[in-house]
């Protein structure tokens, strides 16, 4: 939300978020219950002209400019070797911890997934199912199709049970500046309602 408030492009929003991350860090419980459950954050950031994926692990982060196709996030690191921006000490910190030898190609997800505090066991399934649903409609995704994908319970995208989907948003961002952007938000936690 602060990226939206303080930046007028997707890349500037990445800068706002990483500056705040480096200054304040991140943390806090992800649930209102007494159970302690934390994880680091991923963001899809887009404007009319470009899109970025930003993923974090503690104060460290990597960002990838989306060059085409479809991308999704789902409570796991997905940026691998294509890193367009990164925390200045990202690789050195990984080397100092023995997570990366400095020789082989650096893979953010493979290296930093080991320190992620998430204990989710189904995120891989949700991530891959989401990617499959997006890929199925690649090139012809409409707001209606995106809403269908976000409502999909079989894939685990729309979660029920101990962990529930808390809200969904679909945005239409025309490249033509004379056309308005349109944003749809759920009024209830379950996007199927």
N, C-alpha and C. Protein backbone atom coordinates (compact mmCIF):
# COMPACT_ATOMS: atom_id res chain seq x y z
N UNK A 1 0.83 -1.20 0.00
CA UNK A 1 0.00 0.00 0.00
C UNK A 1 0.87 1.25 0.00
N UNK A 2 1.98 1.19 0.70
CA UNK A 2 2.87 2.35 0.71
C UNK A 2 3.54 2.53 -0.65
N UNK A 3 3.81 1.44 -1.35
CA UNK A 3 4.34 1.54 -2.70
C UNK A 3 3.35 2.23 -3.62
N UNK A 4 2.07 1.88 -3.49
CA UNK A 4 1.04 2.53 -4.30
C UNK A 4 0.93 4.01 -3.97
N UNK A 5 1.03 4.31 -2.69
CA UNK A 5 0.89 5.70 -2.24
C UNK A 5 2.06 6.58 -2.68
N UNK A 6 3.27 6.03 -2.65
CA UNK A 6 4.47 6.86 -2.79
C UNK A 6 5.17 6.77 -4.15
N UNK A 7 4.71 5.90 -5.02
CA UNK A 7 5.41 5.72 -6.31
C UNK A 7 4.43 5.86 -7.47
N UNK A 8 4.94 6.35 -8.59
CA UNK A 8 4.09 6.48 -9.77
C UNK A 8 4.43 5.47 -10.86
N UNK A 9 5.38 4.56 -10.59
CA UNK A 9 5.67 3.46 -11.51
C UNK A 9 5.91 2.19 -10.69
N UNK A 10 5.82 1.06 -11.36
CA UNK A 10 6.05 -0.21 -10.68
C UNK A 10 7.49 -0.29 -10.15
N UNK A 11 8.45 0.13 -10.94
CA UNK A 11 9.84 0.04 -10.48
C UNK A 11 10.09 0.96 -9.28
N UNK A 12 9.48 2.14 -9.27
CA UNK A 12 9.64 3.03 -8.12
C UNK A 12 8.97 2.42 -6.88
N UNK A 13 7.88 1.69 -7.07
CA UNK A 13 7.24 1.01 -5.94
C UNK A 13 8.16 -0.06 -5.36
N UNK A 14 8.90 -0.77 -6.22
CA UNK A 14 9.90 -1.73 -5.74
C UNK A 14 10.89 -1.00 -4.83
N UNK A 15 11.36 0.16 -5.27
CA UNK A 15 12.32 0.93 -4.48
C UNK A 15 11.72 1.36 -3.14
N UNK A 16 10.49 1.81 -3.14
CA UNK A 16 9.82 2.21 -1.88
C UNK A 16 9.79 1.03 -0.92
N UNK A 17 9.37 -0.13 -1.41
CA UNK A 17 9.23 -1.30 -0.55
C UNK A 17 10.58 -1.75 0.00
N UNK A 18 11.60 -1.84 -0.86
CA UNK A 18 12.90 -2.32 -0.37
C UNK A 18 13.56 -1.31 0.57
N UNK A 19 13.33 -0.02 0.33
CA UNK A 19 13.87 0.98 1.26
C UNK A 19 13.23 0.83 2.64
N UNK A 20 11.92 0.61 2.67
CA UNK A 20 11.23 0.40 3.95
C UNK A 20 11.67 -0.91 4.60
N UNK A 21 11.85 -1.94 3.80
CA UNK A 21 12.30 -3.23 4.31
C UNK A 21 13.68 -3.10 4.96
N UNK A 22 14.59 -2.42 4.28
CA UNK A 22 15.93 -2.27 4.82
C UNK A 22 15.94 -1.41 6.08
N UNK A 23 15.05 -0.43 6.16
CA UNK A 23 15.01 0.46 7.33
C UNK A 23 14.30 -0.19 8.52
N UNK A 24 13.17 -0.88 8.27
CA UNK A 24 12.33 -1.38 9.36
C UNK A 24 12.30 -2.90 9.49
N UNK A 25 12.73 -3.63 8.45
CA UNK A 25 12.62 -5.08 8.48
C UNK A 25 11.19 -5.52 8.29
N UNK A 26 10.94 -6.77 8.57
CA UNK A 26 9.59 -7.31 8.47
C UNK A 26 9.40 -8.34 9.56
N UNK A 27 8.18 -8.67 9.81
CA UNK A 27 7.89 -9.65 10.84
C UNK A 27 6.48 -9.51 11.32
N UNK A 28 6.18 -10.24 12.36
CA UNK A 28 4.83 -10.21 12.89
C UNK A 28 4.08 -11.47 12.52
N UNK A 29 3.12 -11.77 13.32
CA UNK A 29 2.32 -12.97 13.12
C UNK A 29 1.38 -12.78 11.93
N UNK A 30 1.21 -13.83 11.15
CA UNK A 30 0.33 -13.79 9.99
C UNK A 30 -1.11 -14.17 10.33
N UNK A 31 -1.34 -14.51 11.57
CA UNK A 31 -2.68 -14.95 11.98
C UNK A 31 -3.09 -14.21 13.25
N UNK A 32 -4.39 -14.08 13.43
CA UNK A 32 -4.89 -13.44 14.64
C UNK A 32 -4.95 -14.41 15.81
N UNK A 33 -4.81 -15.69 15.55
CA UNK A 33 -4.86 -16.69 16.62
C UNK A 33 -3.56 -16.65 17.43
N UNK A 34 -3.50 -17.44 18.45
CA UNK A 34 -2.31 -17.49 19.30
C UNK A 34 -1.16 -18.26 18.65
N UNK A 35 -1.46 -19.05 17.63
CA UNK A 35 -0.41 -19.82 16.97
C UNK A 35 0.58 -18.87 16.28
N UNK A 36 1.85 -19.04 16.56
CA UNK A 36 2.87 -18.22 15.92
C UNK A 36 3.12 -18.75 14.52
N UNK A 37 2.87 -17.93 13.53
CA UNK A 37 3.08 -18.32 12.14
C UNK A 37 3.54 -17.08 11.38
N UNK A 38 4.76 -17.13 10.88
CA UNK A 38 5.30 -16.01 10.12
C UNK A 38 5.91 -16.52 8.82
N UNK A 39 5.99 -15.67 7.85
CA UNK A 39 6.74 -15.95 6.65
C UNK A 39 7.12 -14.62 6.01
N UNK A 40 8.03 -14.69 5.07
CA UNK A 40 8.48 -13.48 4.39
C UNK A 40 7.57 -13.23 3.20
N UNK A 41 7.68 -12.08 2.60
CA UNK A 41 6.68 -11.63 1.65
C UNK A 41 7.15 -11.62 0.21
N UNK A 42 6.18 -11.80 -0.67
CA UNK A 42 6.38 -11.68 -2.11
C UNK A 42 5.34 -10.70 -2.62
N UNK A 43 5.69 -9.99 -3.69
CA UNK A 43 4.80 -8.98 -4.23
C UNK A 43 4.78 -9.05 -5.75
N UNK A 44 3.59 -8.90 -6.34
CA UNK A 44 3.44 -8.64 -7.77
C UNK A 44 3.15 -7.15 -7.89
N UNK A 45 3.97 -6.43 -8.62
CA UNK A 45 3.84 -4.98 -8.72
C UNK A 45 3.76 -4.62 -10.19
N UNK A 46 2.69 -3.94 -10.58
CA UNK A 46 2.50 -3.63 -12.01
C UNK A 46 1.97 -2.22 -12.19
N UNK A 47 2.34 -1.63 -13.33
CA UNK A 47 1.72 -0.39 -13.78
C UNK A 47 1.30 -0.63 -15.23
N UNK A 48 0.95 0.41 -15.93
CA UNK A 48 0.48 0.25 -17.31
C UNK A 48 1.56 -0.27 -18.26
N UNK A 49 2.83 -0.07 -17.90
CA UNK A 49 3.92 -0.39 -18.83
C UNK A 49 4.79 -1.57 -18.44
N UNK A 50 4.87 -1.87 -17.14
CA UNK A 50 5.76 -2.96 -16.74
C UNK A 50 5.28 -3.61 -15.45
N UNK A 51 5.86 -4.78 -15.19
CA UNK A 51 5.52 -5.52 -13.98
C UNK A 51 6.80 -6.10 -13.37
N UNK A 52 6.78 -6.25 -12.04
CA UNK A 52 7.91 -6.78 -11.29
C UNK A 52 7.42 -7.80 -10.29
N UNK A 53 8.26 -8.78 -10.01
CA UNK A 53 8.06 -9.68 -8.87
C UNK A 53 9.16 -9.31 -7.87
N UNK A 54 8.76 -9.05 -6.64
CA UNK A 54 9.71 -8.74 -5.56
C UNK A 54 9.52 -9.79 -4.49
N UNK A 55 10.62 -10.44 -4.10
CA UNK A 55 10.55 -11.47 -3.06
C UNK A 55 11.58 -11.17 -1.98
N UNK A 56 11.20 -11.46 -0.74
CA UNK A 56 12.04 -11.08 0.39
C UNK A 56 12.34 -12.27 1.30
N UNK A 57 13.45 -12.15 2.00
CA UNK A 57 13.83 -13.09 3.04
C UNK A 57 14.57 -12.28 4.09
N UNK A 58 13.89 -11.99 5.19
CA UNK A 58 14.47 -11.07 6.17
C UNK A 58 14.64 -9.71 5.54
N UNK A 59 15.83 -9.12 5.67
CA UNK A 59 16.07 -7.83 5.02
C UNK A 59 16.60 -7.99 3.60
N UNK A 60 16.85 -9.21 3.19
CA UNK A 60 17.39 -9.47 1.86
C UNK A 60 16.26 -9.66 0.86
N UNK A 61 16.53 -9.31 -0.39
CA UNK A 61 15.48 -9.34 -1.40
C UNK A 61 16.07 -9.49 -2.80
N UNK A 62 15.20 -9.94 -3.70
CA UNK A 62 15.53 -10.01 -5.12
C UNK A 62 14.30 -9.57 -5.89
N UNK A 63 14.51 -8.91 -7.03
CA UNK A 63 13.40 -8.44 -7.87
C UNK A 63 13.66 -8.85 -9.31
N UNK A 64 12.61 -9.27 -9.95
CA UNK A 64 12.68 -9.68 -11.35
C UNK A 64 11.67 -8.89 -12.17
N UNK A 65 12.14 -8.26 -13.23
CA UNK A 65 11.23 -7.57 -14.15
C UNK A 65 10.56 -8.63 -15.01
N UNK A 66 9.26 -8.60 -15.09
CA UNK A 66 8.50 -9.57 -15.88
C UNK A 66 8.57 -9.13 -17.34
N UNK A 67 9.14 -9.98 -18.16
CA UNK A 67 9.35 -9.64 -19.57
C UNK A 67 8.23 -10.15 -20.48
N UNK A 68 7.36 -10.99 -19.97
CA UNK A 68 6.27 -11.53 -20.79
C UNK A 68 5.71 -12.77 -20.14
N UNK A 69 4.70 -13.32 -20.76
CA UNK A 69 4.09 -14.53 -20.23
C UNK A 69 3.22 -14.26 -19.02
N UNK A 70 3.16 -15.22 -18.13
CA UNK A 70 2.37 -15.09 -16.92
C UNK A 70 3.26 -15.34 -15.71
N UNK A 71 2.94 -14.72 -14.59
CA UNK A 71 3.67 -14.92 -13.33
C UNK A 71 2.68 -14.95 -12.20
N UNK A 72 3.00 -15.71 -11.20
CA UNK A 72 2.19 -15.75 -9.98
C UNK A 72 3.11 -15.93 -8.78
N UNK A 73 2.56 -15.65 -7.61
CA UNK A 73 3.27 -15.85 -6.36
C UNK A 73 2.36 -16.65 -5.45
N UNK A 74 2.95 -17.39 -4.52
CA UNK A 74 2.13 -18.17 -3.60
C UNK A 74 2.95 -18.61 -2.40
N UNK A 75 3.30 -17.67 -1.54
CA UNK A 75 3.95 -17.95 -0.26
C UNK A 75 5.20 -18.82 -0.38
N UNK A 76 5.92 -18.66 -1.44
CA UNK A 76 7.19 -19.34 -1.61
C UNK A 76 8.03 -18.49 -2.55
N UNK A 77 9.32 -18.67 -2.51
CA UNK A 77 10.19 -17.93 -3.41
C UNK A 77 10.14 -18.54 -4.80
N UNK A 78 10.03 -17.68 -5.81
CA UNK A 78 9.95 -18.18 -7.19
C UNK A 78 10.99 -17.55 -8.11
N UNK A 79 11.68 -16.52 -7.64
CA UNK A 79 12.74 -15.91 -8.46
C UNK A 79 13.96 -16.83 -8.37
N UNK A 80 14.43 -17.27 -9.51
CA UNK A 80 15.56 -18.20 -9.52
C UNK A 80 16.83 -17.46 -9.93
N UNK A 81 17.24 -17.56 -11.18
CA UNK A 81 18.52 -16.97 -11.61
C UNK A 81 18.36 -15.66 -12.36
N UNK A 82 17.16 -15.32 -12.81
CA UNK A 82 16.94 -14.03 -13.48
C UNK A 82 16.61 -13.00 -12.41
N UNK A 83 17.63 -12.26 -12.00
CA UNK A 83 17.48 -11.25 -10.96
C UNK A 83 17.88 -9.91 -11.58
N UNK A 84 16.93 -8.98 -11.63
CA UNK A 84 17.20 -7.68 -12.24
C UNK A 84 17.63 -6.62 -11.22
N UNK A 85 17.21 -6.79 -9.97
CA UNK A 85 17.64 -5.92 -8.88
C UNK A 85 17.77 -6.79 -7.65
N UNK A 86 18.68 -6.44 -6.75
CA UNK A 86 18.88 -7.26 -5.56
C UNK A 86 19.44 -6.43 -4.42
N UNK A 87 19.28 -6.94 -3.22
CA UNK A 87 19.91 -6.32 -2.06
C UNK A 87 21.41 -6.35 -2.30
N UNK A 88 22.13 -5.25 -2.00
CA UNK A 88 23.55 -5.20 -2.32
C UNK A 88 24.40 -6.27 -1.64
N UNK A 89 23.94 -6.84 -0.53
CA UNK A 89 24.70 -7.88 0.16
C UNK A 89 24.08 -9.27 0.04
N UNK A 90 23.13 -9.42 -0.88
CA UNK A 90 22.38 -10.67 -1.03
C UNK A 90 23.30 -11.89 -1.20
N UNK A 91 24.22 -11.82 -2.13
CA UNK A 91 25.08 -12.97 -2.44
C UNK A 91 26.16 -13.16 -1.38
N UNK A 92 26.72 -12.06 -0.90
CA UNK A 92 27.76 -12.18 0.13
C UNK A 92 27.21 -12.79 1.41
N UNK A 93 25.99 -12.41 1.77
CA UNK A 93 25.37 -12.98 2.98
C UNK A 93 25.16 -14.49 2.80
N UNK A 94 24.68 -14.88 1.63
CA UNK A 94 24.48 -16.31 1.35
C UNK A 94 25.80 -17.07 1.41
N UNK A 95 26.87 -16.47 0.89
CA UNK A 95 28.19 -17.10 0.96
C UNK A 95 28.66 -17.22 2.40
N UNK A 96 28.47 -16.17 3.20
CA UNK A 96 28.93 -16.19 4.59
C UNK A 96 28.21 -17.24 5.42
N UNK A 97 26.99 -17.58 5.03
CA UNK A 97 26.21 -18.60 5.74
C UNK A 97 26.46 -20.02 5.20
N UNK A 98 27.21 -20.12 4.11
CA UNK A 98 27.49 -21.43 3.52
C UNK A 98 26.35 -21.95 2.65
N UNK A 99 25.42 -21.08 2.26
CA UNK A 99 24.29 -21.51 1.43
C UNK A 99 24.62 -21.52 -0.05
N UNK A 100 25.67 -20.78 -0.42
CA UNK A 100 26.06 -20.65 -1.82
C UNK A 100 27.58 -20.61 -1.86
N UNK A 101 28.16 -21.36 -2.79
CA UNK A 101 29.63 -21.45 -2.83
C UNK A 101 30.30 -20.32 -3.61
N UNK A 102 29.52 -19.46 -4.26
CA UNK A 102 30.09 -18.37 -5.03
C UNK A 102 30.58 -18.79 -6.40
N UNK A 103 30.50 -20.07 -6.69
CA UNK A 103 30.98 -20.60 -7.98
C UNK A 103 29.83 -20.85 -8.94
N UNK A 104 28.86 -21.64 -8.49
CA UNK A 104 27.76 -21.97 -9.39
C UNK A 104 26.83 -20.76 -9.53
N UNK A 105 25.98 -20.80 -10.57
CA UNK A 105 25.06 -19.69 -10.81
C UNK A 105 24.18 -19.48 -9.58
N UNK A 106 23.99 -18.23 -9.20
CA UNK A 106 23.21 -17.91 -8.02
C UNK A 106 21.73 -18.07 -8.32
N UNK A 107 21.03 -18.82 -7.48
CA UNK A 107 19.59 -19.07 -7.59
C UNK A 107 18.95 -18.60 -6.28
N UNK A 108 18.24 -17.48 -6.34
CA UNK A 108 17.67 -16.89 -5.13
C UNK A 108 16.72 -17.86 -4.42
N UNK A 109 15.78 -18.46 -5.14
CA UNK A 109 14.80 -19.35 -4.50
C UNK A 109 15.48 -20.55 -3.86
N UNK A 110 16.41 -21.16 -4.57
CA UNK A 110 17.09 -22.35 -4.02
C UNK A 110 17.95 -21.99 -2.81
N UNK A 111 18.58 -20.82 -2.85
CA UNK A 111 19.48 -20.42 -1.78
C UNK A 111 18.74 -19.95 -0.54
N UNK A 112 17.76 -19.09 -0.71
CA UNK A 112 17.10 -18.46 0.43
C UNK A 112 15.85 -19.19 0.92
N UNK A 113 15.38 -20.19 0.22
CA UNK A 113 14.21 -20.94 0.68
C UNK A 113 14.48 -21.66 1.99
N UNK A 114 15.73 -21.98 2.25
CA UNK A 114 16.08 -22.70 3.46
C UNK A 114 15.89 -21.87 4.72
N UNK A 115 15.91 -20.54 4.58
CA UNK A 115 15.76 -19.69 5.77
C UNK A 115 14.36 -19.12 5.91
N UNK A 116 13.49 -19.43 4.96
CA UNK A 116 12.12 -18.93 5.03
C UNK A 116 11.43 -19.57 6.23
N UNK A 117 10.73 -18.78 7.01
CA UNK A 117 10.09 -19.30 8.22
C UNK A 117 8.74 -19.96 7.95
N UNK A 118 8.27 -19.95 6.73
CA UNK A 118 6.96 -20.55 6.43
C UNK A 118 7.01 -22.05 6.65
N UNK A 119 5.95 -22.55 7.23
CA UNK A 119 5.84 -24.00 7.42
C UNK A 119 4.71 -24.55 6.55
N UNK A 120 4.44 -23.90 5.46
CA UNK A 120 3.36 -24.35 4.60
C UNK A 120 3.81 -25.59 3.83
N UNK A 121 2.94 -26.56 3.77
CA UNK A 121 3.29 -27.79 3.06
C UNK A 121 2.62 -27.85 1.69
N UNK A 122 1.66 -26.99 1.42
CA UNK A 122 0.93 -27.08 0.16
C UNK A 122 1.24 -25.95 -0.80
N UNK A 123 2.19 -25.08 -0.47
CA UNK A 123 2.42 -23.93 -1.34
C UNK A 123 2.91 -24.34 -2.72
N UNK A 124 3.76 -25.35 -2.79
CA UNK A 124 4.24 -25.78 -4.11
C UNK A 124 3.05 -26.15 -4.99
N UNK A 125 2.09 -26.89 -4.42
CA UNK A 125 0.91 -27.27 -5.19
C UNK A 125 0.11 -26.07 -5.63
N UNK A 126 -0.11 -25.13 -4.72
CA UNK A 126 -0.85 -23.91 -5.06
C UNK A 126 -0.11 -23.11 -6.12
N UNK A 127 1.19 -22.98 -5.95
CA UNK A 127 1.98 -22.21 -6.91
C UNK A 127 1.88 -22.83 -8.31
N UNK A 128 2.13 -24.11 -8.40
CA UNK A 128 2.10 -24.77 -9.71
C UNK A 128 0.70 -24.84 -10.29
N UNK A 129 -0.30 -25.05 -9.45
CA UNK A 129 -1.68 -25.06 -9.94
C UNK A 129 -2.06 -23.68 -10.49
N UNK A 130 -1.67 -22.64 -9.77
CA UNK A 130 -1.94 -21.28 -10.24
C UNK A 130 -1.26 -21.01 -11.57
N UNK A 131 -0.01 -21.44 -11.68
CA UNK A 131 0.73 -21.25 -12.92
C UNK A 131 0.05 -22.00 -14.07
N UNK A 132 -0.40 -23.22 -13.81
CA UNK A 132 -1.09 -24.00 -14.85
C UNK A 132 -2.38 -23.30 -15.30
N UNK A 133 -3.15 -22.79 -14.35
CA UNK A 133 -4.40 -22.11 -14.70
C UNK A 133 -4.13 -20.83 -15.49
N UNK A 134 -3.12 -20.08 -15.10
CA UNK A 134 -2.77 -18.87 -15.85
C UNK A 134 -2.26 -19.22 -17.25
N UNK A 135 -1.42 -20.22 -17.34
CA UNK A 135 -0.85 -20.63 -18.63
C UNK A 135 -1.93 -21.14 -19.58
N UNK A 136 -2.94 -21.79 -19.03
CA UNK A 136 -4.06 -22.31 -19.84
C UNK A 136 -4.74 -21.18 -20.60
N UNK A 137 -4.77 -19.98 -20.03
CA UNK A 137 -5.45 -18.84 -20.65
C UNK A 137 -4.48 -17.78 -21.15
N UNK A 138 -3.20 -18.11 -21.20
CA UNK A 138 -2.15 -17.16 -21.60
C UNK A 138 -2.52 -16.49 -22.93
N UNK A 139 -2.43 -15.18 -22.95
CA UNK A 139 -2.75 -14.44 -24.16
C UNK A 139 -4.20 -14.02 -24.25
N UNK A 140 -5.06 -14.59 -23.43
CA UNK A 140 -6.48 -14.23 -23.48
C UNK A 140 -7.09 -14.10 -22.08
N UNK A 141 -6.29 -13.68 -21.12
CA UNK A 141 -6.79 -13.54 -19.76
C UNK A 141 -7.61 -12.26 -19.65
N UNK A 142 -8.83 -12.43 -19.21
CA UNK A 142 -9.73 -11.30 -18.97
C UNK A 142 -9.94 -11.18 -17.47
N UNK A 143 -10.58 -10.12 -17.05
CA UNK A 143 -10.87 -9.98 -15.62
C UNK A 143 -11.78 -11.12 -15.15
N UNK A 144 -12.70 -11.55 -15.98
CA UNK A 144 -13.59 -12.66 -15.61
C UNK A 144 -12.80 -13.96 -15.41
N UNK A 145 -11.87 -14.24 -16.31
CA UNK A 145 -11.05 -15.45 -16.18
C UNK A 145 -10.18 -15.36 -14.92
N UNK A 146 -9.61 -14.19 -14.66
CA UNK A 146 -8.79 -14.03 -13.46
C UNK A 146 -9.62 -14.26 -12.20
N UNK A 147 -10.85 -13.78 -12.20
CA UNK A 147 -11.74 -14.00 -11.05
C UNK A 147 -12.05 -15.49 -10.88
N UNK A 148 -12.25 -16.19 -11.99
CA UNK A 148 -12.48 -17.65 -11.92
C UNK A 148 -11.27 -18.34 -11.29
N UNK A 149 -10.08 -17.95 -11.72
CA UNK A 149 -8.86 -18.56 -11.18
C UNK A 149 -8.76 -18.31 -9.68
N UNK A 150 -9.02 -17.08 -9.24
CA UNK A 150 -8.93 -16.76 -7.82
C UNK A 150 -10.01 -17.46 -6.98
N UNK A 151 -11.11 -17.86 -7.62
CA UNK A 151 -12.18 -18.57 -6.91
C UNK A 151 -11.93 -20.09 -6.84
N UNK A 152 -10.94 -20.58 -7.57
CA UNK A 152 -10.72 -22.01 -7.72
C UNK A 152 -10.30 -22.65 -6.39
N UNK A 153 -11.16 -23.52 -5.88
CA UNK A 153 -10.86 -24.19 -4.61
C UNK A 153 -10.09 -25.49 -4.82
N UNK A 154 -10.36 -26.18 -5.91
CA UNK A 154 -9.69 -27.46 -6.17
C UNK A 154 -8.18 -27.32 -6.23
N UNK A 155 -7.70 -26.21 -6.79
CA UNK A 155 -6.26 -25.98 -6.92
C UNK A 155 -5.63 -25.54 -5.60
N UNK A 156 -6.46 -25.11 -4.66
CA UNK A 156 -5.94 -24.59 -3.40
C UNK A 156 -5.69 -23.09 -3.45
N UNK A 157 -5.93 -22.45 -4.59
CA UNK A 157 -5.74 -21.00 -4.68
C UNK A 157 -6.71 -20.29 -3.74
N UNK A 158 -7.96 -20.69 -3.78
CA UNK A 158 -8.95 -20.18 -2.83
C UNK A 158 -8.95 -21.16 -1.66
N UNK A 159 -8.26 -20.81 -0.59
CA UNK A 159 -8.04 -21.74 0.52
C UNK A 159 -9.19 -21.72 1.52
N UNK A 160 -9.46 -22.90 2.05
CA UNK A 160 -10.45 -23.06 3.11
C UNK A 160 -9.79 -23.81 4.26
N UNK A 161 -10.39 -23.72 5.43
CA UNK A 161 -9.86 -24.49 6.56
C UNK A 161 -9.06 -23.63 7.50
N UNK A 162 -7.95 -24.21 8.04
CA UNK A 162 -7.12 -23.51 9.01
C UNK A 162 -6.52 -22.24 8.45
N UNK A 163 -6.14 -22.28 7.20
CA UNK A 163 -5.66 -21.08 6.51
C UNK A 163 -6.68 -20.76 5.44
N UNK A 164 -7.18 -19.56 5.46
CA UNK A 164 -8.21 -19.17 4.50
C UNK A 164 -7.72 -18.00 3.66
N UNK A 165 -8.21 -17.95 2.42
CA UNK A 165 -7.98 -16.78 1.60
C UNK A 165 -8.60 -15.59 2.32
N UNK A 166 -7.88 -14.50 2.41
CA UNK A 166 -8.39 -13.35 3.16
C UNK A 166 -8.89 -12.23 2.27
N UNK A 167 -8.68 -12.33 0.98
CA UNK A 167 -9.16 -11.31 0.06
C UNK A 167 -8.50 -11.49 -1.29
N UNK A 168 -9.13 -10.96 -2.32
CA UNK A 168 -8.58 -11.06 -3.67
C UNK A 168 -8.80 -9.74 -4.39
N UNK A 169 -7.94 -9.49 -5.36
CA UNK A 169 -8.00 -8.27 -6.15
C UNK A 169 -7.64 -8.59 -7.59
N UNK A 170 -8.39 -8.02 -8.51
CA UNK A 170 -8.10 -8.12 -9.94
C UNK A 170 -8.04 -6.70 -10.48
N UNK A 171 -6.97 -6.40 -11.21
CA UNK A 171 -6.82 -5.06 -11.79
C UNK A 171 -6.68 -5.15 -13.30
N UNK A 172 -7.32 -4.24 -13.98
CA UNK A 172 -7.19 -4.09 -15.43
C UNK A 172 -6.42 -2.80 -15.65
N UNK A 173 -5.22 -2.92 -16.25
CA UNK A 173 -4.34 -1.77 -16.44
C UNK A 173 -4.07 -1.56 -17.93
N UNK A 174 -4.96 -0.87 -18.64
CA UNK A 174 -4.74 -0.66 -20.08
C UNK A 174 -3.45 0.12 -20.33
N UNK A 175 -2.74 -0.23 -21.39
CA UNK A 175 -1.50 0.48 -21.71
C UNK A 175 -1.78 1.89 -22.23
N UNK A 176 -2.98 2.11 -22.79
CA UNK A 176 -3.33 3.43 -23.29
C UNK A 176 -3.68 4.34 -22.11
N UNK A 177 -2.96 5.45 -21.95
CA UNK A 177 -3.17 6.32 -20.79
C UNK A 177 -4.53 7.00 -20.75
N UNK A 178 -5.25 7.05 -21.88
CA UNK A 178 -6.57 7.68 -21.89
C UNK A 178 -7.67 6.75 -21.37
N UNK A 179 -7.36 5.46 -21.19
CA UNK A 179 -8.35 4.52 -20.66
C UNK A 179 -8.16 4.38 -19.15
N UNK A 180 -9.26 4.28 -18.41
CA UNK A 180 -9.14 4.18 -16.95
C UNK A 180 -8.68 2.79 -16.51
N UNK A 181 -7.97 2.75 -15.39
CA UNK A 181 -7.65 1.47 -14.75
C UNK A 181 -8.87 1.06 -13.93
N UNK A 182 -9.12 -0.23 -13.86
CA UNK A 182 -10.28 -0.74 -13.11
C UNK A 182 -9.77 -1.76 -12.11
N UNK A 183 -10.25 -1.67 -10.88
CA UNK A 183 -9.81 -2.56 -9.82
C UNK A 183 -11.03 -3.21 -9.17
N UNK A 184 -10.99 -4.52 -9.04
CA UNK A 184 -12.05 -5.29 -8.39
C UNK A 184 -11.50 -5.88 -7.10
N UNK A 185 -12.21 -5.71 -6.00
CA UNK A 185 -11.82 -6.26 -4.70
C UNK A 185 -12.95 -7.12 -4.18
N UNK A 186 -12.60 -8.17 -3.45
CA UNK A 186 -13.64 -8.97 -2.82
C UNK A 186 -14.19 -8.22 -1.60
N UNK A 187 -15.46 -8.43 -1.34
CA UNK A 187 -16.11 -7.82 -0.18
C UNK A 187 -16.10 -8.76 1.02
N UNK A 188 -15.74 -10.02 0.79
CA UNK A 188 -15.65 -11.02 1.84
C UNK A 188 -14.33 -11.75 1.66
N UNK A 189 -13.87 -12.47 2.69
CA UNK A 189 -12.62 -13.21 2.51
C UNK A 189 -12.66 -14.22 1.39
N UNK A 190 -13.77 -14.89 1.19
CA UNK A 190 -13.87 -15.95 0.18
C UNK A 190 -14.24 -15.34 -1.17
N UNK A 191 -13.32 -15.38 -2.16
CA UNK A 191 -13.63 -14.79 -3.45
C UNK A 191 -14.73 -15.53 -4.23
N UNK A 192 -15.13 -16.71 -3.75
CA UNK A 192 -16.21 -17.42 -4.41
C UNK A 192 -17.58 -16.83 -4.06
N UNK A 193 -17.62 -15.95 -3.07
CA UNK A 193 -18.90 -15.34 -2.68
C UNK A 193 -19.16 -14.08 -3.48
